[in-house]
Amino acid sequence: MRPYAIKGNFKERIGASLMSGNNKGKDTLPIRDRAAYDMLIDNALSLNERMPISKDIYYFSQPCCMTVCNEKGDQEPVREKTEIIYSRTSRRMGVYTGKTKGGFVIDESWKANDGLVNTVSSMYPLPDPHRSYDGTDIKKGIWNVFDVYEGDHMSLQGGLMIKNDVSDYYRELLTVIEGLDREKMDGFATKNG
């Protein structure tokens, strides 16, 4: 797709150009070895079935959202806080409901998004066990889902054109990680230190 063939303001055209196939090198990977393949819901569900959750691993997820509900009941990006490269995809996801070829129903809950990923799909892989994050009782073998972060797909990386200070977020996350199995780790350090 050529940037001049895309409707929208200048920033949207530049953003769409950055996300277009014009910027990709030659890809020789088999179709199933590409992220685009895994991003299709039916393919992700199939992949999830082949990759069971382990009872010995801590799983965390951080869903993001940067949309608001409009008067039609659809979701639209928060313009001043959403990276321009996500505006079009955010609007498309924000109005879509339907059914996949495999029969999976995409209902109203799938409209909220971070500009690139539906918020509901970023919480945990279907049909894995999950629960809301509880800092006093973190479990292994289940997805511990943090509260939805108000940000677009680039916010937790510090932003692209819209800068976002994530220092405090990552300090808090490191505190959570540092506290996991503290007793077991302290014992290991004593035995091996």
Protein backbone atom coordinates (compact mmCIF):
# COMPACT_ATOMS: atom_id res chain seq x y z
CA MET A 1 0.00 0.00 0.00
CA ARG A 2 1.41 3.37 -0.95
CA PRO A 3 1.20 6.18 1.64
CA TYR A 4 -0.48 8.55 -0.83
CA ALA A 5 -3.28 6.01 -1.45
CA ILE A 6 -4.37 6.11 2.20
CA LYS A 7 -7.12 8.53 3.19
CA GLY A 8 -6.70 10.55 6.36
CA ASN A 9 -4.58 13.38 7.67
CA PHE A 10 -0.83 13.53 7.12
CA LYS A 11 0.08 11.89 10.45
CA GLU A 12 -2.36 9.01 9.82
CA ARG A 13 -0.90 8.46 6.34
CA ILE A 14 2.64 8.37 7.73
CA GLY A 15 1.54 5.98 10.49
CA ALA A 16 -0.19 3.70 8.00
CA SER A 17 2.89 3.77 5.81
CA LEU A 18 5.06 2.68 8.76
CA MET A 19 2.70 -0.25 9.40
CA SER A 20 2.40 -1.26 5.74
CA GLY A 21 4.03 -4.08 3.84
CA ASN A 22 6.26 -1.59 2.00
CA ASN A 23 8.63 -1.61 4.97
CA LYS A 24 9.16 -5.36 5.18
CA GLY A 25 12.16 -7.22 3.88
CA LYS A 26 11.98 -10.58 2.14
CA ASP A 27 10.39 -13.09 4.52
CA THR A 28 11.33 -16.71 3.95
CA LEU A 29 9.73 -18.15 7.09
CA PRO A 30 6.93 -20.70 6.69
CA ILE A 31 3.48 -19.14 7.20
CA ARG A 32 3.02 -20.83 10.61
CA ASP A 33 6.28 -19.31 11.90
CA ARG A 34 5.07 -15.73 11.66
CA ALA A 35 3.44 -13.57 14.30
CA ALA A 36 0.70 -12.64 11.83
CA TYR A 37 -0.36 -16.30 11.74
CA ASP A 38 -0.59 -16.52 15.55
CA MET A 39 -2.58 -13.29 15.72
CA LEU A 40 -5.58 -14.81 13.97
CA ILE A 41 -7.99 -15.96 16.67
CA ASP A 42 -8.59 -19.47 15.31
CA ASN A 43 -4.84 -20.04 14.93
CA ALA A 44 -4.14 -18.69 18.43
CA LEU A 45 -6.77 -21.02 19.91
CA SER A 46 -5.14 -23.97 18.15
CA LEU A 47 -1.71 -22.91 19.39
CA ASN A 48 -3.01 -22.53 22.95
CA GLU A 49 -4.29 -26.11 22.89
CA ARG A 50 -0.81 -27.35 21.97
CA MET A 51 0.92 -25.28 24.66
CA PRO A 52 -0.53 -26.23 28.04
CA ILE A 53 0.10 -24.09 31.07
CA SER A 54 2.74 -25.35 33.54
CA LYS A 55 1.85 -25.71 37.21
CA ASP A 56 5.38 -24.61 38.21
CA ILE A 57 5.50 -21.24 36.42
CA TYR A 58 4.20 -17.83 37.44
CA TYR A 59 2.17 -16.27 34.63
CA PHE A 60 1.39 -12.56 34.52
CA SER A 61 -0.35 -10.42 31.94
CA GLN A 62 -0.73 -6.70 31.55
CA PRO A 63 -3.69 -5.75 29.38
CA CYS A 64 -3.78 -2.20 28.00
CA CYS A 65 -6.60 -0.06 26.68
CA MET A 66 -6.67 3.37 25.06
CA THR A 67 -10.22 3.56 23.77
CA VAL A 68 -13.45 5.14 24.99
CA CYS A 69 -17.05 4.26 24.24
CA ASN A 70 -18.79 6.63 21.82
CA GLU A 71 -22.51 7.44 21.47
CA LYS A 72 -23.02 4.44 19.13
CA GLY A 73 -21.63 2.01 21.71
CA ASP A 74 -18.44 1.47 19.75
CA GLN A 75 -14.90 2.07 20.99
CA GLU A 76 -12.70 4.78 19.52
CA PRO A 77 -9.09 5.71 20.25
CA VAL A 78 -8.30 8.53 22.65
CA ARG A 79 -6.74 10.79 20.02
CA GLU A 80 -4.33 12.78 22.14
CA LYS A 81 -2.96 9.68 23.90
CA THR A 82 -2.87 7.10 21.08
CA GLU A 83 0.15 6.77 18.82
CA ILE A 84 -0.94 7.77 15.34
CA ILE A 85 0.19 4.44 13.85
CA TYR A 86 -2.57 2.72 15.87
CA SER A 87 -5.47 5.06 15.09
CA ARG A 88 -6.83 3.13 12.10
CA THR A 89 -6.52 -0.34 13.63
CA SER A 90 -8.00 0.93 16.89
CA ARG A 91 -11.05 2.31 15.09
CA ARG A 92 -11.50 -0.91 13.11
CA MET A 93 -11.33 -3.11 16.20
CA GLY A 94 -13.56 -0.69 18.08
CA VAL A 95 -16.57 -1.35 15.84
CA TYR A 96 -16.11 -5.01 14.92
CA THR A 97 -18.22 -7.92 16.11
CA GLY A 98 -18.71 -11.18 14.28
CA LYS A 99 -17.58 -14.75 14.09
CA THR A 100 -14.31 -16.32 12.95
CA LYS A 101 -14.16 -19.00 10.27
CA GLY A 102 -13.75 -21.51 13.09
CA GLY A 103 -16.92 -20.26 14.80
CA PHE A 104 -15.42 -18.19 17.64
CA VAL A 105 -17.77 -15.32 18.54
CA ILE A 106 -16.25 -11.85 18.73
CA ASP A 107 -18.74 -9.93 20.83
CA GLU A 108 -18.90 -6.38 22.23
CA SER A 109 -16.24 -7.19 24.85
CA TRP A 110 -13.65 -7.39 22.05
CA LYS A 111 -14.09 -3.74 20.97
CA ALA A 112 -11.90 -2.14 23.67
CA ASN A 113 -8.26 -2.17 22.53
CA ASP A 114 -4.78 -0.70 22.79
CA GLY A 115 -4.61 0.19 19.12
CA LEU A 116 -3.14 -3.12 18.02
CA VAL A 117 -4.54 -5.77 20.39
CA ASN A 118 -8.04 -6.25 21.77
CA THR A 119 -7.88 -5.67 25.53
CA VAL A 120 -9.83 -8.83 26.34
CA SER A 121 -7.47 -10.98 24.28
CA SER A 122 -4.40 -9.60 26.07
CA MET A 123 -5.59 -10.77 29.47
CA TYR A 124 -4.81 -14.49 29.12
CA PRO A 125 -4.74 -17.17 26.44
CA LEU A 126 -8.07 -18.93 26.02
CA PRO A 127 -8.94 -21.28 27.73
CA ASP A 128 -6.13 -21.06 30.33
CA PRO A 129 -7.01 -20.62 34.02
CA HIS A 130 -6.83 -17.01 35.18
CA ARG A 131 -7.68 -14.62 37.97
CA SER A 132 -7.24 -10.99 38.88
CA TYR A 133 -3.80 -10.21 40.27
CA ASP A 134 -3.66 -10.40 44.06
CA GLY A 135 -0.32 -9.20 45.41
CA THR A 136 -0.89 -11.04 48.70
CA ASP A 137 -1.52 -14.41 47.04
CA ILE A 138 0.29 -14.87 43.73
CA LYS A 139 -0.31 -18.32 42.28
CA LYS A 140 1.69 -20.53 39.93
CA GLY A 141 0.01 -22.34 37.04
CA ILE A 142 -2.61 -19.65 36.52
CA TRP A 143 -2.59 -16.29 34.76
CA ASN A 144 -2.37 -13.46 37.30
CA VAL A 145 -4.00 -10.61 35.37
CA PHE A 146 -3.01 -7.06 36.34
CA ASP A 147 -5.61 -4.28 36.17
CA VAL A 148 -5.98 -2.77 32.72
CA TYR A 149 -3.27 -0.18 32.09
CA GLU A 150 -4.47 3.04 30.48
CA GLY A 151 -2.24 3.17 27.46
CA ASP A 152 -1.83 2.20 23.83
CA HIS A 153 0.33 -0.63 22.51
CA MET A 154 3.54 1.42 22.85
CA SER A 155 2.84 2.98 26.26
CA LEU A 156 4.64 0.35 28.33
CA GLN A 157 7.69 0.69 26.09
CA GLY A 158 7.81 4.42 26.84
CA GLY A 159 5.93 5.52 23.74
CA LEU A 160 7.00 6.32 20.23
CA MET A 161 5.92 9.87 19.43
CA ILE A 162 3.82 10.28 22.57
CA LYS A 163 6.26 9.88 25.45
CA ASN A 164 5.14 7.94 28.50
CA ASP A 165 7.19 7.70 31.70
CA VAL A 166 6.95 4.06 32.79
CA SER A 167 9.71 4.16 35.42
CA ASP A 168 7.33 3.70 38.37
CA TYR A 169 5.44 0.93 36.58
CA TYR A 170 8.61 -1.12 36.06
CA ARG A 171 9.87 -0.44 39.60
CA GLU A 172 6.60 -1.86 40.94
CA LEU A 173 6.82 -4.82 38.58
CA LEU A 174 10.38 -5.57 39.72
CA THR A 175 9.18 -5.50 43.32
CA VAL A 176 6.54 -8.11 42.46
CA ILE A 177 9.09 -10.32 40.69
CA GLU A 178 11.64 -9.91 43.48
CA GLY A 179 9.06 -11.13 46.02
CA LEU A 180 8.31 -14.40 44.19
CA ASP A 181 9.52 -17.46 46.06
CA ARG A 182 11.69 -15.24 48.28
CA GLU A 183 12.12 -18.04 50.83
CA LYS A 184 13.26 -20.57 48.22
CA MET A 185 15.64 -18.06 46.66
CA ASP A 186 17.06 -17.03 50.05
CA GLY A 187 17.69 -20.69 50.83
CA PHE A 188 19.42 -21.16 47.48
CA ALA A 189 21.67 -18.16 48.08
CA THR A 190 22.63 -19.45 51.53
CA LYS A 191 23.47 -22.93 50.24
CA ASN A 192 25.36 -21.66 47.20
CA GLY A 193 26.71 -18.34 48.43
